[in-house]
Amino acid sequence: MTKVNHLQNSHSEYGSDNKTIAFEIVAENALLLSWQAKISLTQHNQIIALQKVLVQKLDALIIETVASYHCLMVYFNPLLTDSSQLINKIKTIVKDHPISEDHDNSGEQKDNNTNCINIPVYYDIDQQWDLAEVAQRCNMSMDDVIKQHSANIYHGFALGFTPGFCYLASLPQTLHLPRKSSPRLKVPQGAVAIAEQQSAIYPIESPGGWHIIGQTPLPMYESKNGQFNATINVGQNVKFYAITKAEFIALQKGVKA
């Protein structure tokens, strides 16, 4: 018991300023690497890049890695290494393989425009969702909400809440709203929603406190032969595009066929 408590409280830092990586031993077979707590495409790309290098260089030791907004969880085989040894190996890799950082927005925009997953959305007010309310609160027309939401390109920062639920950022600042004060008990499968600076798609019917502005007929995950595959993964880029009700119904029928 003493050993576990010691592990949970162990942490160290490497680097300086906003490039500092904090190392925390969260279990006997897991390390948590943390960067500055913010939603940043440049920083997240660095995390994803380091994740790929670690998997490549430490494949024999690492069981799984999970990236999030500003963190990287590393699960390792405790029979082959311990946390102290792995931390030293990671620090060496970080030193020998520095991840470049763009100092302007051009690099981020270039990244955003490559390898996009295109998601069709029926932006709907017939279902009494939140499109009209969002437009009113943001002081714009519903058409402008649709144009701004679908004109942006989003980046997958984390998976969570329900299987296949990917947190996408960042929304145009003109669409930033806090979460609903009273969450819905039932949000429909495929609901496209926004909250604060993020957008997301609800993979299944579930409770939810985000503002629903539309719905996609596409499934957000596939489960086959015991394997789970999310439609949108961390590190991928997403663009929404508007479709009509007839197109939504046709695509929905095609998915179910």
C-alpha atoms as a PDB file:
ATOM      1  CA  MET A   1       0.000   0.000   0.000  1.00  0.00           C
ATOM      2  CA  THR A   2       2.863   2.369   0.844  1.00  0.00           C
ATOM      3  CA  LYS A   3       4.429   1.734  -2.540  1.00  0.00           C
ATOM      4  CA  VAL A   4       1.246   2.625  -4.421  1.00  0.00           C
ATOM      5  CA  ASN A   5       0.819   5.899  -2.505  1.00  0.00           C
ATOM      6  CA  HIS A   6       4.430   6.813  -3.254  1.00  0.00           C
ATOM      7  CA  LEU A   7       3.927   6.119  -6.950  1.00  0.00           C
ATOM      8  CA  GLN A   8       0.778   8.210  -7.163  1.00  0.00           C
ATOM      9  CA  ASN A   9       2.530  11.244  -5.699  1.00  0.00           C
ATOM     10  CA  SER A  10       5.739  10.965  -7.733  1.00  0.00           C
ATOM     11  CA  HIS A  11       6.317  13.549 -10.404  1.00  0.00           C
ATOM     12  CA  SER A  12       9.089  15.469 -12.126  1.00  0.00           C
ATOM     13  CA  GLU A  13       9.481  18.058 -14.848  1.00  0.00           C
ATOM     14  CA  TYR A  14      11.679  18.329 -17.909  1.00  0.00           C
ATOM     15  CA  GLY A  15      12.286  21.377 -20.074  1.00  0.00           C
ATOM     16  CA  SER A  16      11.615  25.051 -19.491  1.00  0.00           C
ATOM     17  CA  ASP A  17       8.871  27.661 -19.866  1.00  0.00           C
ATOM     18  CA  ASN A  18       5.889  26.567 -21.989  1.00  0.00           C
ATOM     19  CA  LYS A  19       7.824  23.591 -23.361  1.00  0.00           C
ATOM     20  CA  THR A  20       8.056  21.911 -19.959  1.00  0.00           C
ATOM     21  CA  ILE A  21       6.847  18.318 -19.774  1.00  0.00           C
ATOM     22  CA  ALA A  22       5.697  17.143 -16.358  1.00  0.00           C
ATOM     23  CA  PHE A  23       6.069  13.426 -15.586  1.00  0.00           C
ATOM     24  CA  GLU A  24       3.714  11.815 -13.079  1.00  0.00           C
ATOM     25  CA  ILE A  25       3.768   8.172 -12.047  1.00  0.00           C
ATOM     26  CA  VAL A  26       0.072   7.269 -11.843  1.00  0.00           C
ATOM     27  CA  ALA A  27       0.439   3.487 -11.499  1.00  0.00           C
ATOM     28  CA  GLU A  28       3.122   0.835 -11.495  1.00  0.00           C
ATOM     29  CA  ASN A  29       2.651   0.481 -15.253  1.00  0.00           C
ATOM     30  CA  ALA A  30       1.613   3.998 -16.269  1.00  0.00           C
ATOM     31  CA  LEU A  31       3.154   7.431 -16.734  1.00  0.00           C
ATOM     32  CA  LEU A  32       1.289  10.667 -17.369  1.00  0.00           C
ATOM     33  CA  LEU A  33       3.115  13.297 -19.414  1.00  0.00           C
ATOM     34  CA  SER A  34       1.593  16.773 -19.153  1.00  0.00           C
ATOM     35  CA  TRP A  35       2.160  20.040 -20.991  1.00  0.00           C
ATOM     36  CA  GLN A  36       0.722  23.520 -20.411  1.00  0.00           C
ATOM     37  CA  ALA A  37      -3.022  23.233 -19.709  1.00  0.00           C
ATOM     38  CA  LYS A  38      -4.544  24.835 -22.794  1.00  0.00           C
ATOM     39  CA  ILE A  39      -6.264  23.965 -26.059  1.00  0.00           C
ATOM     40  CA  SER A  40      -3.550  24.604 -28.635  1.00  0.00           C
ATOM     41  CA  LEU A  41      -3.211  23.006 -32.054  1.00  0.00           C
ATOM     42  CA  THR A  42       0.540  23.615 -32.174  1.00  0.00           C
ATOM     43  CA  GLN A  43       1.098  22.029 -28.752  1.00  0.00           C
ATOM     44  CA  HIS A  44      -1.250  19.138 -29.526  1.00  0.00           C
ATOM     45  CA  ASN A  45       0.580  18.396 -32.775  1.00  0.00           C
ATOM     46  CA  GLN A  46       3.795  18.228 -30.751  1.00  0.00           C
ATOM     47  CA  ILE A  47       2.186  15.759 -28.356  1.00  0.00           C
ATOM     48  CA  ILE A  48       0.986  13.573 -31.247  1.00  0.00           C
ATOM     49  CA  ALA A  49       4.417  13.749 -32.873  1.00  0.00           C
ATOM     50  CA  LEU A  50       6.131  12.688 -29.634  1.00  0.00           C
ATOM     51  CA  GLN A  51       3.573   9.904 -29.202  1.00  0.00           C
ATOM     52  CA  LYS A  52       4.537   8.480 -32.606  1.00  0.00           C
ATOM     53  CA  VAL A  53       8.261   8.692 -31.826  1.00  0.00           C
ATOM     54  CA  LEU A  54       7.828   6.968 -28.447  1.00  0.00           C
ATOM     55  CA  VAL A  55       5.815   4.137 -29.974  1.00  0.00           C
ATOM     56  CA  GLN A  56       8.481   3.713 -32.635  1.00  0.00           C
ATOM     57  CA  LYS A  57      11.519   3.899 -30.334  1.00  0.00           C
ATOM     58  CA  LEU A  58      10.093   2.101 -27.294  1.00  0.00           C
ATOM     59  CA  ASP A  59       7.804  -0.398 -28.966  1.00  0.00           C
ATOM     60  CA  ALA A  60       9.147  -3.313 -26.917  1.00  0.00           C
ATOM     61  CA  LEU A  61       8.360  -1.534 -23.632  1.00  0.00           C
ATOM     62  CA  ILE A  62       5.157   0.378 -24.337  1.00  0.00           C
ATOM     63  CA  ILE A  63       1.766  -1.354 -24.281  1.00  0.00           C
ATOM     64  CA  GLU A  64      -0.450   1.610 -25.189  1.00  0.00           C
ATOM     65  CA  THR A  65      -0.417   5.407 -25.410  1.00  0.00           C
ATOM     66  CA  VAL A  66      -3.416   7.752 -25.118  1.00  0.00           C
ATOM     67  CA  ALA A  67      -3.179  11.421 -26.120  1.00  0.00           C
ATOM     68  CA  SER A  68      -5.522  14.141 -24.896  1.00  0.00           C
ATOM     69  CA  TYR A  69      -5.671  17.951 -24.846  1.00  0.00           C
ATOM     70  CA  HIS A  70      -2.384  18.564 -23.078  1.00  0.00           C
ATOM     71  CA  CYS A  71      -1.486  15.091 -21.792  1.00  0.00           C
ATOM     72  CA  LEU A  72      -0.070  11.801 -22.961  1.00  0.00           C
ATOM     73  CA  MET A  73      -0.679   8.634 -20.962  1.00  0.00           C
ATOM     74  CA  VAL A  74       1.933   5.928 -21.462  1.00  0.00           C
ATOM     75  CA  TYR A  75       1.187   2.353 -20.375  1.00  0.00           C
ATOM     76  CA  PHE A  76       4.260   0.136 -20.209  1.00  0.00           C
ATOM     77  CA  ASN A  77       5.263  -3.416 -19.357  1.00  0.00           C
ATOM     78  CA  PRO A  78       6.517  -3.348 -15.722  1.00  0.00           C
ATOM     79  CA  LEU A  79       8.273  -6.677 -16.242  1.00  0.00           C
ATOM     80  CA  LEU A  80      10.606  -5.076 -18.777  1.00  0.00           C
ATOM     81  CA  THR A  81      11.197  -1.631 -17.278  1.00  0.00           C
ATOM     82  CA  ASP A  82      10.237   0.606 -14.379  1.00  0.00           C
ATOM     83  CA  SER A  83       8.966   4.164 -14.273  1.00  0.00           C
ATOM     84  CA  SER A  84      12.334   5.769 -13.495  1.00  0.00           C
ATOM     85  CA  GLN A  85      14.070   4.014 -16.366  1.00  0.00           C
ATOM     86  CA  LEU A  86      11.253   4.879 -18.756  1.00  0.00           C
ATOM     87  CA  ILE A  87      11.240   8.541 -17.744  1.00  0.00           C
ATOM     88  CA  ASN A  88      14.967   8.748 -18.456  1.00  0.00           C
ATOM     89  CA  LYS A  89      14.490   7.073 -21.836  1.00  0.00           C
ATOM     90  CA  ILE A  90      11.682   9.504 -22.740  1.00  0.00           C
ATOM     91  CA  LYS A  91      13.780  12.501 -21.681  1.00  0.00           C
ATOM     92  CA  THR A  92      16.598  11.281 -23.915  1.00  0.00           C
ATOM     93  CA  ILE A  93      14.212  10.857 -26.838  1.00  0.00           C
ATOM     94  CA  VAL A  94      12.794  14.359 -26.293  1.00  0.00           C
ATOM     95  CA  LYS A  95      16.325  15.770 -26.276  1.00  0.00           C
ATOM     96  CA  ASP A  96      17.460  13.822 -29.353  1.00  0.00           C
ATOM     97  CA  HIS A  97      14.243  14.338 -31.330  1.00  0.00           C
ATOM     98  CA  PRO A  98      13.107  17.934 -30.724  1.00  0.00           C
ATOM     99  CA  ILE A  99       9.654  18.668 -32.112  1.00  0.00           C
ATOM    100  CA  SER A 100       9.598  21.823 -34.210  1.00  0.00           C
ATOM    101  CA  GLU A 101       7.205  24.604 -33.219  1.00  0.00           C
ATOM    102  CA  ASP A 102       5.617  27.056 -35.643  1.00  0.00           C
ATOM    103  CA  HIS A 103       5.763  30.682 -34.535  1.00  0.00           C
ATOM    104  CA  ASP A 104       2.829  31.846 -36.645  1.00  0.00           C
ATOM    105  CA  ASN A 105      -0.580  30.622 -37.713  1.00  0.00           C
ATOM    106  CA  SER A 106       0.411  29.557 -41.227  1.00  0.00           C
ATOM    107  CA  GLY A 107       1.675  26.165 -40.084  1.00  0.00           C
ATOM    108  CA  GLU A 108      -1.495  25.494 -38.152  1.00  0.00           C
ATOM    109  CA  GLN A 109      -3.706  26.433 -41.083  1.00  0.00           C
ATOM    110  CA  LYS A 110      -1.724  24.189 -43.408  1.00  0.00           C
ATOM    111  CA  ASP A 111      -2.160  21.289 -41.005  1.00  0.00           C
ATOM    112  CA  ASN A 112      -5.868  22.020 -40.709  1.00  0.00           C
ATOM    113  CA  ASN A 113      -6.447  21.763 -44.428  1.00  0.00           C
ATOM    114  CA  THR A 114      -4.944  18.303 -44.856  1.00  0.00           C
ATOM    115  CA  ASN A 115      -6.492  14.892 -44.271  1.00  0.00           C
ATOM    116  CA  CYS A 116      -9.928  16.232 -43.308  1.00  0.00           C
ATOM    117  CA  ILE A 117     -12.836  13.970 -42.443  1.00  0.00           C
ATOM    118  CA  ASN A 118     -15.932  15.531 -44.029  1.00  0.00           C
ATOM    119  CA  ILE A 119     -19.089  15.226 -41.920  1.00  0.00           C
ATOM    120  CA  PRO A 120     -22.512  15.962 -43.476  1.00  0.00           C
ATOM    121  CA  VAL A 121     -24.886  17.852 -41.178  1.00  0.00           C
ATOM    122  CA  TYR A 122     -28.574  18.627 -41.454  1.00  0.00           C
ATOM    123  CA  TYR A 123     -28.821  21.919 -39.569  1.00  0.00           C
ATOM    124  CA  ASP A 124     -32.388  21.659 -38.330  1.00  0.00           C
ATOM    125  CA  ILE A 125     -34.911  23.735 -36.359  1.00  0.00           C
ATOM    126  CA  ASP A 126     -37.861  21.386 -36.919  1.00  0.00           C
ATOM    127  CA  GLN A 127     -36.824  19.221 -33.959  1.00  0.00           C
ATOM    128  CA  GLN A 128     -36.891  22.193 -31.562  1.00  0.00           C
ATOM    129  CA  TRP A 129     -33.181  21.944 -30.900  1.00  0.00           C
ATOM    130  CA  ASP A 130     -30.919  24.914 -30.211  1.00  0.00           C
ATOM    131  CA  LEU A 131     -30.043  26.441 -33.592  1.00  0.00           C
ATOM    132  CA  ALA A 132     -32.504  29.336 -33.239  1.00  0.00           C
ATOM    133  CA  GLU A 133     -31.438  29.992 -29.629  1.00  0.00           C
ATOM    134  CA  VAL A 134     -27.750  29.907 -30.557  1.00  0.00           C
ATOM    135  CA  ALA A 135     -28.388  32.415 -33.343  1.00  0.00           C
ATOM    136  CA  GLN A 136     -30.249  34.722 -30.975  1.00  0.00           C
ATOM    137  CA  ARG A 137     -27.648  34.544 -28.223  1.00  0.00           C
ATOM    138  CA  CYS A 138     -24.798  35.078 -30.702  1.00  0.00           C
ATOM    139  CA  ASN A 139     -26.598  38.012 -32.361  1.00  0.00           C
ATOM    140  CA  MET A 140     -26.620  36.520 -35.841  1.00  0.00           C
ATOM    141  CA  SER A 141     -28.970  34.752 -38.219  1.00  0.00           C
ATOM    142  CA  MET A 142     -29.343  30.970 -38.271  1.00  0.00           C
ATOM    143  CA  ASP A 143     -27.784  30.977 -41.739  1.00  0.00           C
ATOM    144  CA  ASP A 144     -24.733  32.746 -40.305  1.00  0.00           C
ATOM    145  CA  VAL A 145     -24.445  30.166 -37.514  1.00  0.00           C
ATOM    146  CA  ILE A 146     -24.485  27.415 -40.145  1.00  0.00           C
ATOM    147  CA  LYS A 147     -21.972  29.217 -42.357  1.00  0.00           C
ATOM    148  CA  GLN A 148     -19.560  29.890 -39.506  1.00  0.00           C
ATOM    149  CA  HIS A 149     -19.798  26.405 -38.024  1.00  0.00           C
ATOM    150  CA  SER A 150     -19.344  24.677 -41.390  1.00  0.00           C
ATOM    151  CA  ALA A 151     -16.618  27.034 -42.638  1.00  0.00           C
ATOM    152  CA  ASN A 152     -14.259  26.140 -39.813  1.00  0.00           C
ATOM    153  CA  ILE A 153     -11.869  23.178 -39.716  1.00  0.00           C
ATOM    154  CA  TYR A 154     -11.662  21.344 -36.406  1.00  0.00           C
ATOM    155  CA  HIS A 155      -9.018  19.194 -34.763  1.00  0.00           C
ATOM    156  CA  GLY A 156      -9.674  16.136 -32.610  1.00  0.00           C
ATOM    157  CA  PHE A 157      -8.181  16.800 -29.177  1.00  0.00           C
ATOM    158  CA  ALA A 158      -9.585  13.979 -27.045  1.00  0.00           C
ATOM    159  CA  LEU A 159     -11.917  10.992 -26.952  1.00  0.00           C
ATOM    160  CA  GLY A 160     -14.240  10.528 -24.001  1.00  0.00           C
ATOM    161  CA  PHE A 161     -17.675  10.880 -22.378  1.00  0.00           C
ATOM    162  CA  THR A 162     -19.108   8.045 -24.496  1.00  0.00           C
ATOM    163  CA  PRO A 163     -17.339   5.700 -26.968  1.00  0.00           C
ATOM    164  CA  GLY A 164     -16.603   7.591 -30.183  1.00  0.00           C
ATOM    165  CA  PHE A 165     -17.257  11.047 -28.690  1.00  0.00           C
ATOM    166  CA  CYS A 166     -14.411  13.237 -29.981  1.00  0.00           C
ATOM    167  CA  TYR A 167     -13.856  16.740 -28.628  1.00  0.00           C
ATOM    168  CA  LEU A 168     -13.232  19.086 -31.568  1.00  0.00           C
ATOM    169  CA  ALA A 169     -11.732  22.572 -31.437  1.00  0.00           C
ATOM    170  CA  SER A 170     -11.767  25.359 -31.998  1.00  0.00           C
ATOM    171  CA  LEU A 171     -15.066  27.065 -32.732  1.00  0.00           C
ATOM    172  CA  PRO A 172     -15.072  30.605 -34.136  1.00  0.00           C
ATOM    173  CA  GLN A 173     -15.113  32.938 -31.149  1.00  0.00           C
ATOM    174  CA  THR A 174     -18.423  34.388 -32.324  1.00  0.00           C
ATOM    175  CA  LEU A 175     -20.087  31.021 -31.559  1.00  0.00           C
ATOM    176  CA  HIS A 176     -18.697  30.563 -28.053  1.00  0.00           C
ATOM    177  CA  LEU A 177     -21.442  29.815 -25.541  1.00  0.00           C
ATOM    178  CA  PRO A 178     -21.346  28.154 -22.109  1.00  0.00           C
ATOM    179  CA  ARG A 179     -22.964  24.758 -21.735  1.00  0.00           C
ATOM    180  CA  LYS A 180     -26.705  24.646 -21.221  1.00  0.00           C
ATOM    181  CA  SER A 181     -27.786  25.431 -17.665  1.00  0.00           C
ATOM    182  CA  SER A 182     -30.158  22.442 -17.765  1.00  0.00           C
ATOM    183  CA  PRO A 183     -28.765  19.458 -19.691  1.00  0.00           C
ATOM    184  CA  ARG A 184     -31.103  17.352 -21.805  1.00  0.00           C
ATOM    185  CA  LEU A 185     -31.863  13.872 -20.544  1.00  0.00           C
ATOM    186  CA  LYS A 186     -31.822  12.594 -24.136  1.00  0.00           C
ATOM    187  CA  VAL A 187     -29.607  13.892 -26.924  1.00  0.00           C
ATOM    188  CA  PRO A 188     -30.179  11.986 -30.184  1.00  0.00           C
ATOM    189  CA  GLN A 189     -27.525   9.872 -31.854  1.00  0.00           C
ATOM    190  CA  GLY A 190     -25.572  11.916 -34.378  1.00  0.00           C
ATOM    191  CA  ALA A 191     -26.413  15.267 -32.780  1.00  0.00           C
ATOM    192  CA  VAL A 192     -23.902  17.942 -33.758  1.00  0.00           C
ATOM    193  CA  ALA A 193     -23.433  20.292 -30.831  1.00  0.00           C
ATOM    194  CA  ILE A 194     -21.318  23.168 -29.563  1.00  0.00           C
ATOM    195  CA  ALA A 195     -20.205  24.389 -26.142  1.00  0.00           C
ATOM    196  CA  GLU A 196     -17.607  26.980 -25.169  1.00  0.00           C
ATOM    197  CA  GLN A 197     -14.874  26.725 -27.821  1.00  0.00           C
ATOM    198  CA  GLN A 198     -15.624  23.174 -28.903  1.00  0.00           C
ATOM    199  CA  SER A 199     -17.904  21.147 -31.153  1.00  0.00           C
ATOM    200  CA  ALA A 200     -18.717  17.446 -31.023  1.00  0.00           C
ATOM    201  CA  ILE A 201     -20.993  14.700 -32.325  1.00  0.00           C
ATOM    202  CA  TYR A 202     -22.952  12.495 -29.926  1.00  0.00           C
ATOM    203  CA  PRO A 203     -22.297   8.874 -31.027  1.00  0.00           C
ATOM    204  CA  ILE A 204     -25.287   7.432 -29.183  1.00  0.00           C
ATOM    205  CA  GLU A 205     -28.444   8.712 -27.526  1.00  0.00           C
ATOM    206  CA  SER A 206     -27.365  10.018 -24.141  1.00  0.00           C
ATOM    207  CA  PRO A 207     -27.783  12.907 -21.714  1.00  0.00           C
ATOM    208  CA  GLY A 208     -25.916  16.045 -22.722  1.00  0.00           C
ATOM    209  CA  GLY A 209     -25.521  19.730 -21.952  1.00  0.00           C
ATOM    210  CA  TRP A 210     -24.219  21.051 -25.265  1.00  0.00           C
ATOM    211  CA  HIS A 211     -26.214  23.165 -27.731  1.00  0.00           C
ATOM    212  CA  ILE A 212     -27.549  21.012 -30.583  1.00  0.00           C
ATOM    213  CA  ILE A 213     -27.432  22.786 -33.943  1.00  0.00           C
ATOM    214  CA  GLY A 214     -27.800  19.820 -36.295  1.00  0.00           C
ATOM    215  CA  GLN A 215     -27.492  16.091 -36.848  1.00  0.00           C
ATOM    216  CA  THR A 216     -25.352  13.818 -38.991  1.00  0.00           C
ATOM    217  CA  PRO A 217     -26.520  10.460 -40.368  1.00  0.00           C
ATOM    218  CA  LEU A 218     -22.994   9.042 -40.166  1.00  0.00           C
ATOM    219  CA  PRO A 219     -22.132   6.620 -37.344  1.00  0.00           C
ATOM    220  CA  MET A 220     -19.337   7.779 -35.064  1.00  0.00           C
ATOM    221  CA  TYR A 221     -17.888   4.337 -34.472  1.00  0.00           C
ATOM    222  CA  GLU A 222     -17.828   0.790 -35.777  1.00  0.00           C
ATOM    223  CA  SER A 223     -17.596  -2.326 -33.658  1.00  0.00           C
ATOM    224  CA  LYS A 224     -16.760  -5.509 -35.498  1.00  0.00           C
ATOM    225  CA  ASN A 225     -15.177  -8.785 -34.392  1.00  0.00           C
ATOM    226  CA  GLY A 226     -14.484  -7.358 -30.960  1.00  0.00           C
ATOM    227  CA  GLN A 227     -12.639  -4.347 -32.407  1.00  0.00           C
ATOM    228  CA  PHE A 228     -13.802  -0.779 -31.746  1.00  0.00           C
ATOM    229  CA  ASN A 229     -12.980   1.874 -34.333  1.00  0.00           C
ATOM    230  CA  ALA A 230     -13.938   5.517 -33.832  1.00  0.00           C
ATOM    231  CA  THR A 231     -14.864   7.517 -36.928  1.00  0.00           C
ATOM    232  CA  ILE A 232     -12.927  10.524 -35.631  1.00  0.00           C
ATOM    233  CA  ASN A 233      -9.699   9.932 -33.732  1.00  0.00           C
ATOM    234  CA  VAL A 234      -7.427  12.191 -31.727  1.00  0.00           C
ATOM    235  CA  GLY A 235      -5.176  14.178 -34.047  1.00  0.00           C
ATOM    236  CA  GLN A 236      -7.499  14.047 -37.053  1.00  0.00           C
ATOM    237  CA  ASN A 237      -9.086  17.077 -38.719  1.00  0.00           C
ATOM    238  CA  VAL A 238     -12.807  17.493 -39.332  1.00  0.00           C
ATOM    239  CA  LYS A 239     -14.930  19.718 -41.532  1.00  0.00           C
ATOM    240  CA  PHE A 240     -18.716  19.896 -41.444  1.00  0.00           C
ATOM    241  CA  TYR A 241     -20.835  20.607 -44.503  1.00  0.00           C
ATOM    242  CA  ALA A 242     -24.546  21.359 -44.714  1.00  0.00           C
ATOM    243  CA  ILE A 243     -27.015  18.950 -46.331  1.00  0.00           C
ATOM    244  CA  THR A 244     -30.761  19.074 -46.911  1.00  0.00           C
ATOM    245  CA  LYS A 245     -33.374  17.016 -45.071  1.00  0.00           C
ATOM    246  CA  ALA A 246     -33.820  14.816 -48.159  1.00  0.00           C
ATOM    247  CA  GLU A 247     -30.064  14.200 -48.327  1.00  0.00           C
ATOM    248  CA  PHE A 248     -30.022  13.386 -44.614  1.00  0.00           C
ATOM    249  CA  ILE A 249     -32.797  10.796 -45.028  1.00  0.00           C
ATOM    250  CA  ALA A 250     -31.100   9.256 -48.060  1.00  0.00           C
ATOM    251  CA  LEU A 251     -27.745   8.995 -46.301  1.00  0.00           C
ATOM    252  CA  GLN A 252     -29.403   7.616 -43.170  1.00  0.00           C
ATOM    253  CA  LYS A 253     -31.098   4.897 -45.221  1.00  0.00           C
ATOM    254  CA  GLY A 254     -27.782   4.081 -46.871  1.00  0.00           C
ATOM    255  CA  VAL A 255     -26.082   3.699 -43.486  1.00  0.00           C
ATOM    256  CA  LYS A 256     -28.820   1.353 -42.227  1.00  0.00           C
ATOM    257  CA  ALA A 257     -28.852  -0.732 -45.439  1.00  0.00           C
END
